[in-house]
Amino acid sequence: VTGEKSQRVFRRIKMAAQRILKSNIDQIKAEIEASQDSPSLQLLLHEELSLLQVKQMHLAKSWKIVVTDNELPNAFVNGFLPRRIFLTKGLLKEFCKTEEELALVLSHELSHFLLGHTKDILMVNAVVQVIAVSLISIIDPTGGLGSFVLELVIPWLGSIIGASFSRDQEHQADDFGFEIIANACYEPRKALSIFGNMQAFTEKMKSEGFGIVVPMLSTHPMDEDRFRNQLENLEENREIYKNNNCDDSLIDKFFKIWAKPSANPSAMSKHLMRR
């Protein structure tokens, strides 16, 4: 898998996400029109509409897939580097053996951005630092222990506070990511195999005696819950796939029909709204 192929696959993913956003925006506008007699509801709907329109604006801009030479599998988006998805060569080699698996990684990372997770992480890190400084001021009011304790406390607090927070985000990005690839005419069932690739790589590292922490697996934990959750969602996502006539469609056809409304806009509202 090359950077050029990753960029091509992402264009298809981006188009599907744009369809989903457009469907949600159209749905909100219809609800606003139908709720003229409820000012409070209208206010909430206008706030949701504004959030979706901001996401639509960011998604419409140019995005770049950055492939680094790192042999350890990893993928991420960063709030400080907007409209970029970072992949390592190790990830493309070990986890993305098919185009469906690559599409899922890209849609998963895009989902983190669209769901506001990149901003949430920055906020959590800021909260962790505030709590750490507050605790140190109580435990060591003279400041004698200073930065030494701070360096110990911040990672410890971060791991405690961020663990459940990160797990919830991963499940949300999985859900949204699979729905995006279904709308992009990638077969959801075929993409599920990436979980097996992640597990196989973990076992290989253990068998070879490597005591390394793989960034991808520390920030994207490979637990059975994630796999089982997507098995439960599989039929729903395959229905979206079928409703887009993906079984008999070619890539060229997909690019021609992308402007059609999403096959399941109401399902996407639960992911994108109220963020």
C-alpha atoms as a PDB file:
ATOM      1  CA  VAL A   1       0.000   0.000   0.000  1.00  0.00           C
ATOM      2  CA  THR A   2       1.416   3.370  -1.016  1.00  0.00           C
ATOM      3  CA  GLY A   3       0.719   6.937   0.004  1.00  0.00           C
ATOM      4  CA  GLU A   4      -0.807   7.523  -3.414  1.00  0.00           C
ATOM      5  CA  LYS A   5      -3.244   4.643  -2.934  1.00  0.00           C
ATOM      6  CA  SER A   6      -4.086   5.896   0.573  1.00  0.00           C
ATOM      7  CA  GLN A   7      -4.907   9.318  -0.861  1.00  0.00           C
ATOM      8  CA  ARG A   8      -7.126   7.750  -3.530  1.00  0.00           C
ATOM      9  CA  VAL A   9      -9.012   5.643  -0.999  1.00  0.00           C
ATOM     10  CA  PHE A  10      -9.417   8.672   1.252  1.00  0.00           C
ATOM     11  CA  ARG A  11     -11.041  10.667  -1.559  1.00  0.00           C
ATOM     12  CA  ARG A  12     -13.737   8.005  -1.693  1.00  0.00           C
ATOM     13  CA  ILE A  13     -14.104   8.027   2.109  1.00  0.00           C
ATOM     14  CA  LYS A  14     -14.308  11.815   2.149  1.00  0.00           C
ATOM     15  CA  MET A  15     -17.063  11.830  -0.457  1.00  0.00           C
ATOM     16  CA  ALA A  16     -19.112   9.390   1.600  1.00  0.00           C
ATOM     17  CA  ALA A  17     -18.646  11.509   4.733  1.00  0.00           C
ATOM     18  CA  GLN A  18     -19.743  14.594   2.776  1.00  0.00           C
ATOM     19  CA  ARG A  19     -22.918  12.771   1.726  1.00  0.00           C
ATOM     20  CA  ILE A  20     -23.630  11.897   5.335  1.00  0.00           C
ATOM     21  CA  LEU A  21     -23.081  15.461   6.529  1.00  0.00           C
ATOM     22  CA  LYS A  22     -25.291  16.836   3.753  1.00  0.00           C
ATOM     23  CA  SER A  23     -28.083  14.416   4.667  1.00  0.00           C
ATOM     24  CA  ASN A  24     -27.891  15.418   8.320  1.00  0.00           C
ATOM     25  CA  ILE A  25     -27.864  19.116   7.475  1.00  0.00           C
ATOM     26  CA  ASP A  26     -30.914  18.702   5.216  1.00  0.00           C
ATOM     27  CA  GLN A  27     -32.680  16.785   7.964  1.00  0.00           C
ATOM     28  CA  ILE A  28     -31.973  19.486  10.559  1.00  0.00           C
ATOM     29  CA  LYS A  29     -33.194  22.207   8.191  1.00  0.00           C
ATOM     30  CA  ALA A  30     -36.451  20.287   7.705  1.00  0.00           C
ATOM     31  CA  GLU A  31     -36.868  19.963  11.480  1.00  0.00           C
ATOM     32  CA  ILE A  32     -36.274  23.696  11.902  1.00  0.00           C
ATOM     33  CA  GLU A  33     -38.943  24.409   9.311  1.00  0.00           C
ATOM     34  CA  ALA A  34     -41.380  22.080  11.097  1.00  0.00           C
ATOM     35  CA  SER A  35     -40.786  23.525  14.585  1.00  0.00           C
ATOM     36  CA  GLN A  36     -41.708  27.167  14.045  1.00  0.00           C
ATOM     37  CA  ASP A  37     -43.970  27.117  17.128  1.00  0.00           C
ATOM     38  CA  SER A  38     -41.175  26.029  19.518  1.00  0.00           C
ATOM     39  CA  PRO A  39     -38.488  28.719  19.981  1.00  0.00           C
ATOM     40  CA  SER A  40     -36.488  26.615  22.467  1.00  0.00           C
ATOM     41  CA  LEU A  41     -36.363  23.642  20.087  1.00  0.00           C
ATOM     42  CA  GLN A  42     -35.453  25.950  17.220  1.00  0.00           C
ATOM     43  CA  LEU A  43     -32.528  27.307  19.238  1.00  0.00           C
ATOM     44  CA  LEU A  44     -31.182  23.801  19.832  1.00  0.00           C
ATOM     45  CA  LEU A  45     -31.649  22.856  16.200  1.00  0.00           C
ATOM     46  CA  HIS A  46     -29.853  25.975  14.981  1.00  0.00           C
ATOM     47  CA  GLU A  47     -26.923  25.165  17.294  1.00  0.00           C
ATOM     48  CA  GLU A  48     -26.759  21.626  15.891  1.00  0.00           C
ATOM     49  CA  LEU A  49     -26.984  22.998  12.363  1.00  0.00           C
ATOM     50  CA  SER A  50     -24.095  25.400  12.987  1.00  0.00           C
ATOM     51  CA  LEU A  51     -21.886  22.594  14.314  1.00  0.00           C
ATOM     52  CA  LEU A  52     -22.615  20.412  11.301  1.00  0.00           C
ATOM     53  CA  GLN A  53     -21.978  23.260   8.876  1.00  0.00           C
ATOM     54  CA  VAL A  54     -18.582  23.942  10.471  1.00  0.00           C
ATOM     55  CA  LYS A  55     -17.682  20.260  10.047  1.00  0.00           C
ATOM     56  CA  GLN A  56     -18.906  20.384   6.462  1.00  0.00           C
ATOM     57  CA  MET A  57     -16.704  23.409   5.786  1.00  0.00           C
ATOM     58  CA  HIS A  58     -13.599  21.713   7.218  1.00  0.00           C
ATOM     59  CA  LEU A  59     -14.292  18.495   5.338  1.00  0.00           C
ATOM     60  CA  ALA A  60     -14.642  20.370   2.035  1.00  0.00           C
ATOM     61  CA  LYS A  61     -11.088  21.680   2.314  1.00  0.00           C
ATOM     62  CA  SER A  62      -8.028  19.835   1.048  1.00  0.00           C
ATOM     63  CA  TRP A  63      -6.882  16.909   3.204  1.00  0.00           C
ATOM     64  CA  LYS A  64      -3.540  15.139   3.118  1.00  0.00           C
ATOM     65  CA  ILE A  65      -2.562  11.588   4.017  1.00  0.00           C
ATOM     66  CA  VAL A  66       0.948  11.617   5.500  1.00  0.00           C
ATOM     67  CA  VAL A  67       2.834   8.287   5.457  1.00  0.00           C
ATOM     68  CA  THR A  68       5.869   8.153   7.763  1.00  0.00           C
ATOM     69  CA  ASP A  69       8.793   5.687   7.670  1.00  0.00           C
ATOM     70  CA  ASN A  70       8.093   4.334  11.154  1.00  0.00           C
ATOM     71  CA  GLU A  71       7.886   0.522  11.127  1.00  0.00           C
ATOM     72  CA  LEU A  72       5.630   0.429  14.211  1.00  0.00           C
ATOM     73  CA  PRO A  73       1.940   0.406  13.237  1.00  0.00           C
ATOM     74  CA  ASN A  74       0.155   3.645  14.076  1.00  0.00           C
ATOM     75  CA  ALA A  75      -2.460   6.040  12.715  1.00  0.00           C
ATOM     76  CA  PHE A  76      -3.714   9.301  14.150  1.00  0.00           C
ATOM     77  CA  VAL A  77      -5.168  12.754  13.605  1.00  0.00           C
ATOM     78  CA  ASN A  78      -3.946  15.722  15.619  1.00  0.00           C
ATOM     79  CA  GLY A  79      -5.807  18.856  16.666  1.00  0.00           C
ATOM     80  CA  PHE A  80      -2.675  20.959  16.139  1.00  0.00           C
ATOM     81  CA  LEU A  81      -2.230  19.715  12.542  1.00  0.00           C
ATOM     82  CA  PRO A  82      -5.652  20.044  10.913  1.00  0.00           C
ATOM     83  CA  ARG A  83      -6.816  18.131   7.843  1.00  0.00           C
ATOM     84  CA  ARG A  84      -4.014  15.586   8.007  1.00  0.00           C
ATOM     85  CA  ILE A  85      -4.202  11.878   8.739  1.00  0.00           C
ATOM     86  CA  PHE A  86      -0.912  10.251   9.698  1.00  0.00           C
ATOM     87  CA  LEU A  87      -0.166   6.621   8.858  1.00  0.00           C
ATOM     88  CA  THR A  88       3.050   4.692   9.401  1.00  0.00           C
ATOM     89  CA  LYS A  89       4.555   2.249   6.921  1.00  0.00           C
ATOM     90  CA  GLY A  90       4.295  -0.375   9.642  1.00  0.00           C
ATOM     91  CA  LEU A  91       0.529   0.070   9.791  1.00  0.00           C
ATOM     92  CA  LEU A  92       0.126  -0.213   6.026  1.00  0.00           C
ATOM     93  CA  LYS A  93       2.268  -3.366   6.029  1.00  0.00           C
ATOM     94  CA  GLU A  94       0.866  -5.163   9.084  1.00  0.00           C
ATOM     95  CA  PHE A  95      -2.772  -4.024   9.358  1.00  0.00           C
ATOM     96  CA  CYS A  96      -3.926  -2.821   5.919  1.00  0.00           C
ATOM     97  CA  LYS A  97      -3.569  -5.869   3.718  1.00  0.00           C
ATOM     98  CA  THR A  98      -6.726  -5.060   1.721  1.00  0.00           C
ATOM     99  CA  GLU A  99      -8.299  -1.869   0.446  1.00  0.00           C
ATOM    100  CA  GLU A 100     -11.280  -2.393   2.774  1.00  0.00           C
ATOM    101  CA  GLU A 101      -8.965  -2.469   5.795  1.00  0.00           C
ATOM    102  CA  LEU A 102      -7.207   0.695   4.640  1.00  0.00           C
ATOM    103  CA  ALA A 103     -10.576   2.373   4.088  1.00  0.00           C
ATOM    104  CA  LEU A 104     -11.616   1.497   7.633  1.00  0.00           C
ATOM    105  CA  VAL A 105      -8.434   2.961   9.162  1.00  0.00           C
ATOM    106  CA  LEU A 106      -8.911   6.209   7.217  1.00  0.00           C
ATOM    107  CA  SER A 107     -12.621   6.462   8.034  1.00  0.00           C
ATOM    108  CA  HIS A 108     -11.894   5.677  11.703  1.00  0.00           C
ATOM    109  CA  GLU A 109      -9.370   8.513  11.946  1.00  0.00           C
ATOM    110  CA  LEU A 110     -11.650  10.895  10.038  1.00  0.00           C
ATOM    111  CA  SER A 111     -14.409   9.954  12.485  1.00  0.00           C
ATOM    112  CA  HIS A 112     -12.248  11.112  15.394  1.00  0.00           C
ATOM    113  CA  PHE A 113     -12.087  14.530  13.739  1.00  0.00           C
ATOM    114  CA  LEU A 114     -15.775  14.724  12.787  1.00  0.00           C
ATOM    115  CA  LEU A 115     -16.883  13.617  16.250  1.00  0.00           C
ATOM    116  CA  GLY A 116     -14.770  16.297  17.907  1.00  0.00           C
ATOM    117  CA  HIS A 117     -12.406  13.851  19.625  1.00  0.00           C
ATOM    118  CA  THR A 118      -9.280  15.810  18.717  1.00  0.00           C
ATOM    119  CA  LYS A 119     -10.608  18.825  20.625  1.00  0.00           C
ATOM    120  CA  ASP A 120     -11.753  16.607  23.502  1.00  0.00           C
ATOM    121  CA  ILE A 121      -8.249  15.146  23.902  1.00  0.00           C
ATOM    122  CA  LEU A 122      -6.703  18.609  24.108  1.00  0.00           C
ATOM    123  CA  MET A 123      -9.266  19.526  26.759  1.00  0.00           C
ATOM    124  CA  VAL A 124      -8.617  16.348  28.778  1.00  0.00           C
ATOM    125  CA  ASN A 125      -4.863  16.973  28.727  1.00  0.00           C
ATOM    126  CA  ALA A 126      -5.424  20.504  29.997  1.00  0.00           C
ATOM    127  CA  VAL A 127      -7.701  19.227  32.786  1.00  0.00           C
ATOM    128  CA  VAL A 128      -5.120  16.610  33.801  1.00  0.00           C
ATOM    129  CA  GLN A 129      -2.439  19.273  34.155  1.00  0.00           C
ATOM    130  CA  VAL A 130      -4.720  21.515  36.232  1.00  0.00           C
ATOM    131  CA  ILE A 131      -5.603  18.619  38.564  1.00  0.00           C
ATOM    132  CA  ALA A 132      -1.935  17.624  38.882  1.00  0.00           C
ATOM    133  CA  VAL A 133      -0.830  21.137  39.790  1.00  0.00           C
ATOM    134  CA  SER A 134      -3.699  21.442  42.294  1.00  0.00           C
ATOM    135  CA  LEU A 135      -2.784  18.143  43.971  1.00  0.00           C
ATOM    136  CA  ILE A 136       0.877  19.104  44.230  1.00  0.00           C
ATOM    137  CA  SER A 137      -0.012  22.482  45.769  1.00  0.00           C
ATOM    138  CA  ILE A 138      -1.948  20.602  48.489  1.00  0.00           C
ATOM    139  CA  ILE A 139       0.599  17.832  49.078  1.00  0.00           C
ATOM    140  CA  ASP A 140       3.684  20.018  48.744  1.00  0.00           C
ATOM    141  CA  PRO A 141       2.659  23.661  49.380  1.00  0.00           C
ATOM    142  CA  THR A 142       6.305  24.768  49.655  1.00  0.00           C
ATOM    143  CA  GLY A 143       7.007  23.617  46.094  1.00  0.00           C
ATOM    144  CA  GLY A 144      10.131  21.749  47.201  1.00  0.00           C
ATOM    145  CA  LEU A 145       9.367  18.663  45.141  1.00  0.00           C
ATOM    146  CA  GLY A 146       8.481  20.820  42.156  1.00  0.00           C
ATOM    147  CA  SER A 147       8.761  19.529  38.632  1.00  0.00           C
ATOM    148  CA  PHE A 148       9.999  16.084  39.712  1.00  0.00           C
ATOM    149  CA  VAL A 149       6.618  15.174  41.218  1.00  0.00           C
ATOM    150  CA  LEU A 150       4.805  16.915  38.372  1.00  0.00           C
ATOM    151  CA  GLU A 151       6.529  14.667  35.839  1.00  0.00           C
ATOM    152  CA  LEU A 152       5.405  11.611  37.796  1.00  0.00           C
ATOM    153  CA  VAL A 153       1.852  12.709  38.535  1.00  0.00           C
ATOM    154  CA  ILE A 154       0.749  13.951  35.101  1.00  0.00           C
ATOM    155  CA  PRO A 155       1.315  10.646  33.205  1.00  0.00           C
ATOM    156  CA  TRP A 156      -0.291   8.696  36.059  1.00  0.00           C
ATOM    157  CA  LEU A 157      -3.369  10.908  36.116  1.00  0.00           C
ATOM    158  CA  GLY A 158      -3.512  10.936  32.336  1.00  0.00           C
ATOM    159  CA  SER A 159      -3.588   7.156  32.148  1.00  0.00           C
ATOM    160  CA  ILE A 160      -6.378   6.930  34.752  1.00  0.00           C
ATOM    161  CA  ILE A 161      -8.592   9.697  33.388  1.00  0.00           C
ATOM    162  CA  GLY A 162      -7.898   8.960  29.739  1.00  0.00           C
ATOM    163  CA  ALA A 163      -8.412   5.177  29.785  1.00  0.00           C
ATOM    164  CA  SER A 164     -12.226   5.014  29.821  1.00  0.00           C
ATOM    165  CA  PHE A 165     -12.443   8.261  27.863  1.00  0.00           C
ATOM    166  CA  SER A 166     -10.258   6.832  25.085  1.00  0.00           C
ATOM    167  CA  ARG A 167     -12.149   3.528  25.041  1.00  0.00           C
ATOM    168  CA  ASP A 168     -15.484   5.320  24.537  1.00  0.00           C
ATOM    169  CA  GLN A 169     -13.986   7.380  21.730  1.00  0.00           C
ATOM    170  CA  GLU A 170     -12.649   4.282  20.003  1.00  0.00           C
ATOM    171  CA  HIS A 171     -16.065   2.637  20.041  1.00  0.00           C
ATOM    172  CA  GLN A 172     -17.661   5.810  18.648  1.00  0.00           C
ATOM    173  CA  ALA A 173     -15.034   6.086  15.899  1.00  0.00           C
ATOM    174  CA  ASP A 174     -15.499   2.386  15.078  1.00  0.00           C
ATOM    175  CA  ASP A 175     -19.269   2.837  14.741  1.00  0.00           C
ATOM    176  CA  PHE A 176     -19.018   5.931  12.590  1.00  0.00           C
ATOM    177  CA  GLY A 177     -16.070   4.583  10.596  1.00  0.00           C
ATOM    178  CA  PHE A 178     -17.910   1.414   9.576  1.00  0.00           C
ATOM    179  CA  GLU A 179     -20.954   3.427   8.580  1.00  0.00           C
ATOM    180  CA  ILE A 180     -18.796   5.716   6.443  1.00  0.00           C
ATOM    181  CA  ILE A 181     -17.162   2.831   4.558  1.00  0.00           C
ATOM    182  CA  ALA A 182     -20.581   1.256   3.952  1.00  0.00           C
ATOM    183  CA  ASN A 183     -21.672   4.535   2.346  1.00  0.00           C
ATOM    184  CA  ALA A 184     -18.397   4.567   0.370  1.00  0.00           C
ATOM    185  CA  CYS A 185     -19.219   1.137  -1.137  1.00  0.00           C
ATOM    186  CA  TYR A 186     -16.617  -0.801   0.836  1.00  0.00           C
ATOM    187  CA  GLU A 187     -17.949  -4.135   2.086  1.00  0.00           C
ATOM    188  CA  PRO A 188     -18.109  -3.863   5.915  1.00  0.00           C
ATOM    189  CA  ARG A 189     -17.638  -7.602   6.424  1.00  0.00           C
ATOM    190  CA  LYS A 190     -14.303  -7.553   4.588  1.00  0.00           C
ATOM    191  CA  ALA A 191     -13.059  -4.653   6.715  1.00  0.00           C
ATOM    192  CA  LEU A 192     -13.632  -6.629   9.930  1.00  0.00           C
ATOM    193  CA  SER A 193     -10.498  -8.647   9.204  1.00  0.00           C
ATOM    194  CA  ILE A 194      -8.362  -5.730  10.411  1.00  0.00           C
ATOM    195  CA  PHE A 195      -9.092  -6.801  13.989  1.00  0.00           C
ATOM    196  CA  GLY A 196      -7.557 -10.181  13.185  1.00  0.00           C
ATOM    197  CA  ASN A 197      -4.497  -8.446  11.722  1.00  0.00           C
ATOM    198  CA  MET A 198      -4.091  -6.403  14.902  1.00  0.00           C
ATOM    199  CA  GLN A 199      -4.393  -9.502  17.070  1.00  0.00           C
ATOM    200  CA  ALA A 200      -1.947 -11.465  14.900  1.00  0.00           C
ATOM    201  CA  PHE A 201       0.618  -8.679  15.098  1.00  0.00           C
ATOM    202  CA  THR A 202       0.274  -8.527  18.879  1.00  0.00           C
ATOM    203  CA  GLU A 203       0.840 -12.279  19.159  1.00  0.00           C
ATOM    204  CA  LYS A 204       3.833 -12.089  16.817  1.00  0.00           C
ATOM    205  CA  MET A 205       5.450  -9.405  18.964  1.00  0.00           C
ATOM    206  CA  LYS A 206       4.901 -11.479  22.094  1.00  0.00           C
ATOM    207  CA  SER A 207       6.272 -14.664  20.519  1.00  0.00           C
ATOM    208  CA  GLU A 208       9.411 -12.862  19.340  1.00  0.00           C
ATOM    209  CA  GLY A 209      10.013 -11.502  22.816  1.00  0.00           C
ATOM    210  CA  PHE A 210       9.665  -7.822  21.977  1.00  0.00           C
ATOM    211  CA  GLY A 211       8.751  -5.845  25.070  1.00  0.00           C
ATOM    212  CA  ILE A 212       7.720  -2.802  23.064  1.00  0.00           C
ATOM    213  CA  VAL A 213       4.590  -0.747  23.324  1.00  0.00           C
ATOM    214  CA  VAL A 214       2.981  -0.361  19.910  1.00  0.00           C
ATOM    215  CA  PRO A 215       1.432   3.135  19.749  1.00  0.00           C
ATOM    216  CA  MET A 216      -1.495   1.988  17.601  1.00  0.00           C
ATOM    217  CA  LEU A 217      -2.457  -0.707  20.099  1.00  0.00           C
ATOM    218  CA  SER A 218      -2.069   1.517  23.174  1.00  0.00           C
ATOM    219  CA  THR A 219      -4.298   4.259  21.774  1.00  0.00           C
ATOM    220  CA  HIS A 220      -6.537   1.850  19.813  1.00  0.00           C
ATOM    221  CA  PRO A 221      -6.917  -1.092  22.229  1.00  0.00           C
ATOM    222  CA  MET A 222      -7.633  -4.421  20.535  1.00  0.00           C
ATOM    223  CA  ASP A 223     -10.327  -5.766  22.821  1.00  0.00           C
ATOM    224  CA  GLU A 224     -13.060  -8.283  22.085  1.00  0.00           C
ATOM    225  CA  ASP A 225     -15.749  -5.697  22.833  1.00  0.00           C
ATOM    226  CA  ARG A 226     -14.780  -3.638  19.796  1.00  0.00           C
ATOM    227  CA  PHE A 227     -14.938  -6.661  17.505  1.00  0.00           C
ATOM    228  CA  ARG A 228     -18.214  -7.953  18.967  1.00  0.00           C
ATOM    229  CA  ASN A 229     -19.755  -4.487  18.741  1.00  0.00           C
ATOM    230  CA  GLN A 230     -19.046  -4.316  15.013  1.00  0.00           C
ATOM    231  CA  LEU A 231     -20.369  -7.842  14.504  1.00  0.00           C
ATOM    232  CA  GLU A 232     -23.635  -6.651  16.055  1.00  0.00           C
ATOM    233  CA  ASN A 233     -23.683  -3.627  13.730  1.00  0.00           C
ATOM    234  CA  LEU A 234     -22.683  -5.627  10.664  1.00  0.00           C
ATOM    235  CA  GLU A 235     -26.148  -6.318   9.257  1.00  0.00           C
ATOM    236  CA  GLU A 236     -27.172  -2.677   9.634  1.00  0.00           C
ATOM    237  CA  ASN A 237     -24.032  -1.502   7.858  1.00  0.00           C
ATOM    238  CA  ARG A 238     -24.381  -4.136   5.136  1.00  0.00           C
ATOM    239  CA  GLU A 239     -27.925  -2.868   4.570  1.00  0.00           C
ATOM    240  CA  ILE A 240     -26.514   0.621   3.968  1.00  0.00           C
ATOM    241  CA  TYR A 241     -23.968  -0.951   1.609  1.00  0.00           C
ATOM    242  CA  LYS A 242     -26.739  -2.733  -0.326  1.00  0.00           C
ATOM    243  CA  ASN A 243     -28.999   0.341  -0.412  1.00  0.00           C
ATOM    244  CA  ASN A 244     -26.203   2.189  -2.211  1.00  0.00           C
ATOM    245  CA  ASN A 245     -26.304  -0.513  -4.927  1.00  0.00           C
ATOM    246  CA  CYS A 246     -22.711  -1.308  -4.081  1.00  0.00           C
ATOM    247  CA  ASP A 247     -22.943  -4.979  -5.041  1.00  0.00           C
ATOM    248  CA  ASP A 248     -22.954  -4.144  -8.733  1.00  0.00           C
ATOM    249  CA  SER A 249     -21.368  -0.687  -8.739  1.00  0.00           C
ATOM    250  CA  LEU A 250     -17.939   0.271 -10.055  1.00  0.00           C
ATOM    251  CA  ILE A 251     -15.683   2.976  -8.645  1.00  0.00           C
ATOM    252  CA  ASP A 252     -16.604   5.258 -11.540  1.00  0.00           C
ATOM    253  CA  LYS A 253     -20.270   4.803 -10.778  1.00  0.00           C
ATOM    254  CA  PHE A 254     -19.656   5.654  -7.139  1.00  0.00           C
ATOM    255  CA  PHE A 255     -18.022   8.949  -8.069  1.00  0.00           C
ATOM    256  CA  LYS A 256     -21.035   9.799 -10.239  1.00  0.00           C
ATOM    257  CA  ILE A 257     -23.685   9.053  -7.603  1.00  0.00           C
ATOM    258  CA  TRP A 258     -21.932  10.410  -4.500  1.00  0.00           C
ATOM    259  CA  ALA A 259     -24.141  13.515  -4.363  1.00  0.00           C
ATOM    260  CA  LYS A 260     -27.220  11.398  -3.674  1.00  0.00           C
ATOM    261  CA  PRO A 261     -28.567  11.602  -0.095  1.00  0.00           C
ATOM    262  CA  SER A 262     -27.090   9.129   2.362  1.00  0.00           C
ATOM    263  CA  ALA A 263     -28.876   5.798   2.475  1.00  0.00           C
ATOM    264  CA  ASN A 264     -29.402   6.130   6.211  1.00  0.00           C
ATOM    265  CA  PRO A 265     -29.180   9.772   7.342  1.00  0.00           C
ATOM    266  CA  SER A 266     -31.114   9.341  10.576  1.00  0.00           C
ATOM    267  CA  ALA A 267     -28.625   6.772  11.856  1.00  0.00           C
ATOM    268  CA  MET A 268     -25.781   9.201  11.328  1.00  0.00           C
ATOM    269  CA  SER A 269     -27.492  11.917  13.354  1.00  0.00           C
ATOM    270  CA  LYS A 270     -26.787  10.045  16.572  1.00  0.00           C
ATOM    271  CA  HIS A 271     -23.053  10.262  15.844  1.00  0.00           C
ATOM    272  CA  LEU A 272     -22.730  13.809  14.571  1.00  0.00           C
ATOM    273  CA  MET A 273     -25.357  15.821  16.380  1.00  0.00           C
ATOM    274  CA  ARG A 274     -24.934  17.439  19.773  1.00  0.00           C
ATOM    275  CA  ARG A 275     -21.149  17.460  19.488  1.00  0.00           C
END
